[in-house]
Amino acid sequence: MAGAGFYAIHNSEIRFGSDGVWYADGEPIDNPRIARLFSQSVVRAGAEEGSYMLRVGDETAAILVDDTPYVVTRVSVSDRLLATLNDESSEEIAAESLRLGTGNVFYCRVKGGHEAARFLRAAHYQLAEHIDETAGGEFELRLGTRAFPIRSR
């Protein structure tokens, strides 16, 4: 089914990987329009974090999310942080929401602070240019004249 370029969401196991790639029945979804549609169609399946589904028109289907339902694909750093997410939305990130996770992966809060987002490699390096190590061995993000400590996730 992966070669067809279309995925019946109720007939496939749909998964969003920590690498920012959508998968159907274990195969990467190579069609960028389908991947974008899926990224723009993620909704919470319930009140608890980690339970998500796709809602595409009248169809809904449970999905598996390896880590976070959103990833930061690009970040612009000046006196504020502007992120582009996998659903192609852009939003300002609260510097206080930055966290460093296992494997030195950056995370932040998006969607009004309601969702977590993982930084993909390109965005990680864009952000890393603005991070300094303090005398105490901690890390902080420099935005203009302000410094924000980066805590562990």
Protein backbone atom coordinates (compact mmCIF):
# COMPACT_ATOMS: atom_id res chain seq x y z
CA MET A 1 0.00 0.00 0.00
CA ALA A 2 2.94 2.35 0.57
CA GLY A 3 3.55 2.64 -3.18
CA ALA A 4 0.05 3.95 -3.86
CA GLY A 5 0.66 7.23 -2.06
CA PHE A 6 -2.74 7.13 -0.31
CA TYR A 7 -3.44 5.62 3.08
CA ALA A 8 -6.86 4.65 4.36
CA ILE A 9 -6.30 5.71 7.94
CA HIS A 10 -8.72 3.20 9.40
CA ASN A 11 -7.07 0.26 7.55
CA SER A 12 -3.44 0.90 8.51
CA GLU A 13 -1.37 1.16 11.64
CA ILE A 14 -0.30 4.80 11.48
CA ARG A 15 2.70 5.89 13.53
CA PHE A 16 4.56 9.18 13.95
CA GLY A 17 8.22 8.44 14.63
CA SER A 18 10.60 10.38 16.82
CA ASP A 19 12.51 11.07 13.59
CA GLY A 20 9.60 13.24 12.38
CA VAL A 21 8.50 10.68 9.77
CA TRP A 22 5.01 9.22 9.38
CA TYR A 23 4.74 5.45 8.91
CA ALA A 24 1.91 3.24 7.65
CA ASP A 25 2.19 -0.42 8.58
CA GLY A 26 5.90 0.10 9.32
CA GLU A 27 6.72 1.71 5.96
CA PRO A 28 7.67 5.41 5.71
CA ILE A 29 5.07 7.63 4.09
CA ASP A 30 7.08 9.25 1.31
CA ASN A 31 4.31 11.44 -0.09
CA PRO A 32 4.92 14.89 1.48
CA ARG A 33 1.30 15.97 0.95
CA ILE A 34 -0.03 12.96 2.89
CA ALA A 35 2.56 13.51 5.63
CA ARG A 36 1.57 17.19 5.88
CA LEU A 37 -2.13 16.27 5.97
CA PHE A 38 -1.49 13.80 8.79
CA SER A 39 0.60 16.35 10.73
CA GLN A 40 -2.20 18.88 10.39
CA SER A 41 -4.85 16.34 11.46
CA VAL A 42 -3.48 15.22 14.86
CA VAL A 43 -5.87 15.62 17.78
CA ARG A 44 -5.86 14.30 21.31
CA ALA A 45 -7.79 11.06 21.70
CA GLY A 46 -8.39 11.68 25.38
CA ALA A 47 -7.42 13.81 28.33
CA GLU A 48 -4.18 11.96 29.06
CA GLU A 49 -0.98 12.97 27.34
CA GLY A 50 0.30 10.45 24.82
CA SER A 51 -3.07 9.41 23.38
CA TYR A 52 -3.63 10.82 19.87
CA MET A 53 -5.65 10.21 16.76
CA LEU A 54 -6.00 11.51 13.23
CA ARG A 55 -9.17 13.28 12.21
CA VAL A 56 -9.32 13.63 8.43
CA GLY A 57 -12.74 14.77 7.28
CA ASP A 58 -15.26 12.34 8.75
CA GLU A 59 -12.64 9.63 9.35
CA THR A 60 -10.80 9.12 12.61
CA ALA A 61 -8.17 6.59 13.57
CA ALA A 62 -5.96 6.00 16.57
CA ILE A 63 -2.26 6.59 15.92
CA LEU A 64 0.93 5.64 17.68
CA VAL A 65 3.28 8.46 18.62
CA ASP A 66 6.84 7.41 19.45
CA ASP A 67 7.75 10.55 21.39
CA THR A 68 5.85 13.76 20.63
CA PRO A 69 3.08 14.52 18.12
CA TYR A 70 4.95 17.60 16.89
CA VAL A 71 8.55 18.23 15.91
CA VAL A 72 10.39 21.51 15.40
CA THR A 73 11.79 21.48 11.88
CA ARG A 74 13.33 24.99 11.95
CA VAL A 75 13.96 27.63 14.57
CA SER A 76 14.85 31.28 14.21
CA VAL A 77 16.64 32.88 17.16
CA SER A 78 16.87 36.61 17.82
CA ASP A 79 15.47 38.25 20.94
CA ARG A 80 12.78 35.53 20.76
CA LEU A 81 12.37 31.99 19.45
CA LEU A 82 10.25 31.35 16.37
CA ALA A 83 9.68 27.71 15.46
CA THR A 84 8.30 26.01 12.38
CA LEU A 85 6.60 22.72 13.18
CA ASN A 86 5.94 19.62 11.10
CA ASP A 87 2.33 20.76 10.55
CA GLU A 88 3.85 23.86 8.85
CA SER A 89 2.59 26.20 11.57
CA SER A 90 4.93 28.83 12.99
CA GLU A 91 4.80 30.00 16.55
CA GLU A 92 6.81 31.74 19.19
CA ILE A 93 8.30 29.39 21.77
CA ALA A 94 8.56 30.43 25.39
CA ALA A 95 12.27 30.14 26.17
CA GLU A 96 11.34 28.92 29.65
CA SER A 97 9.75 25.84 28.11
CA LEU A 98 13.02 24.52 26.64
CA ARG A 99 14.15 21.22 28.12
CA LEU A 100 17.04 18.91 27.39
CA GLY A 101 16.09 15.24 27.20
CA THR A 102 17.83 11.90 26.88
CA GLY A 103 20.46 11.92 24.16
CA ASN A 104 20.76 15.72 24.43
CA VAL A 105 17.55 16.24 22.46
CA PHE A 106 15.81 19.60 22.89
CA TYR A 107 12.09 19.77 23.66
CA CYS A 108 9.71 22.69 24.09
CA ARG A 109 6.02 23.36 24.63
CA VAL A 110 3.87 24.34 21.64
CA LYS A 111 0.20 24.79 20.77
CA GLY A 112 -0.42 27.24 23.58
CA GLY A 113 1.75 25.18 25.93
CA HIS A 114 -0.55 22.15 25.61
CA GLU A 115 1.76 19.91 23.59
CA ALA A 116 5.40 18.89 23.63
CA ALA A 117 7.58 19.14 20.53
CA ARG A 118 10.92 17.48 19.86
CA PHE A 119 13.62 19.38 17.95
CA LEU A 120 14.81 17.62 14.82
CA ARG A 121 18.52 17.71 14.05
CA ALA A 122 18.54 20.84 11.84
CA ALA A 123 16.54 22.84 14.40
CA HIS A 124 18.76 21.50 17.20
CA TYR A 125 21.85 22.91 15.52
CA GLN A 126 20.13 26.23 14.79
CA LEU A 127 19.30 26.54 18.49
CA ALA A 128 22.67 25.23 19.73
CA GLU A 129 24.46 28.26 18.25
CA HIS A 130 22.78 30.35 20.98
CA ILE A 131 23.51 28.12 23.96
CA ASP A 132 26.35 28.69 26.39
CA GLU A 133 27.69 26.57 29.20
CA THR A 134 27.76 28.31 32.58
CA ALA A 135 30.62 28.16 35.09
CA GLY A 136 28.58 25.58 37.02
CA GLY A 137 28.38 23.24 34.03
CA GLU A 138 24.74 24.05 33.27
CA PHE A 139 23.44 25.29 29.92
CA GLU A 140 21.56 28.47 29.11
CA LEU A 141 19.95 29.96 26.04
CA ARG A 142 21.00 33.52 25.17
CA LEU A 143 18.31 35.71 23.64
CA GLY A 144 19.64 39.19 23.19
CA THR A 145 20.81 40.32 26.64
CA ARG A 146 18.76 37.71 28.51
CA ALA A 147 19.78 34.21 29.53
CA PHE A 148 17.38 31.32 30.16
CA PRO A 149 18.54 28.17 31.96
CA ILE A 150 17.81 24.93 30.13
CA ARG A 151 16.51 22.31 32.51
CA SER A 152 16.34 18.56 32.09
CA ARG A 153 13.12 17.10 30.78
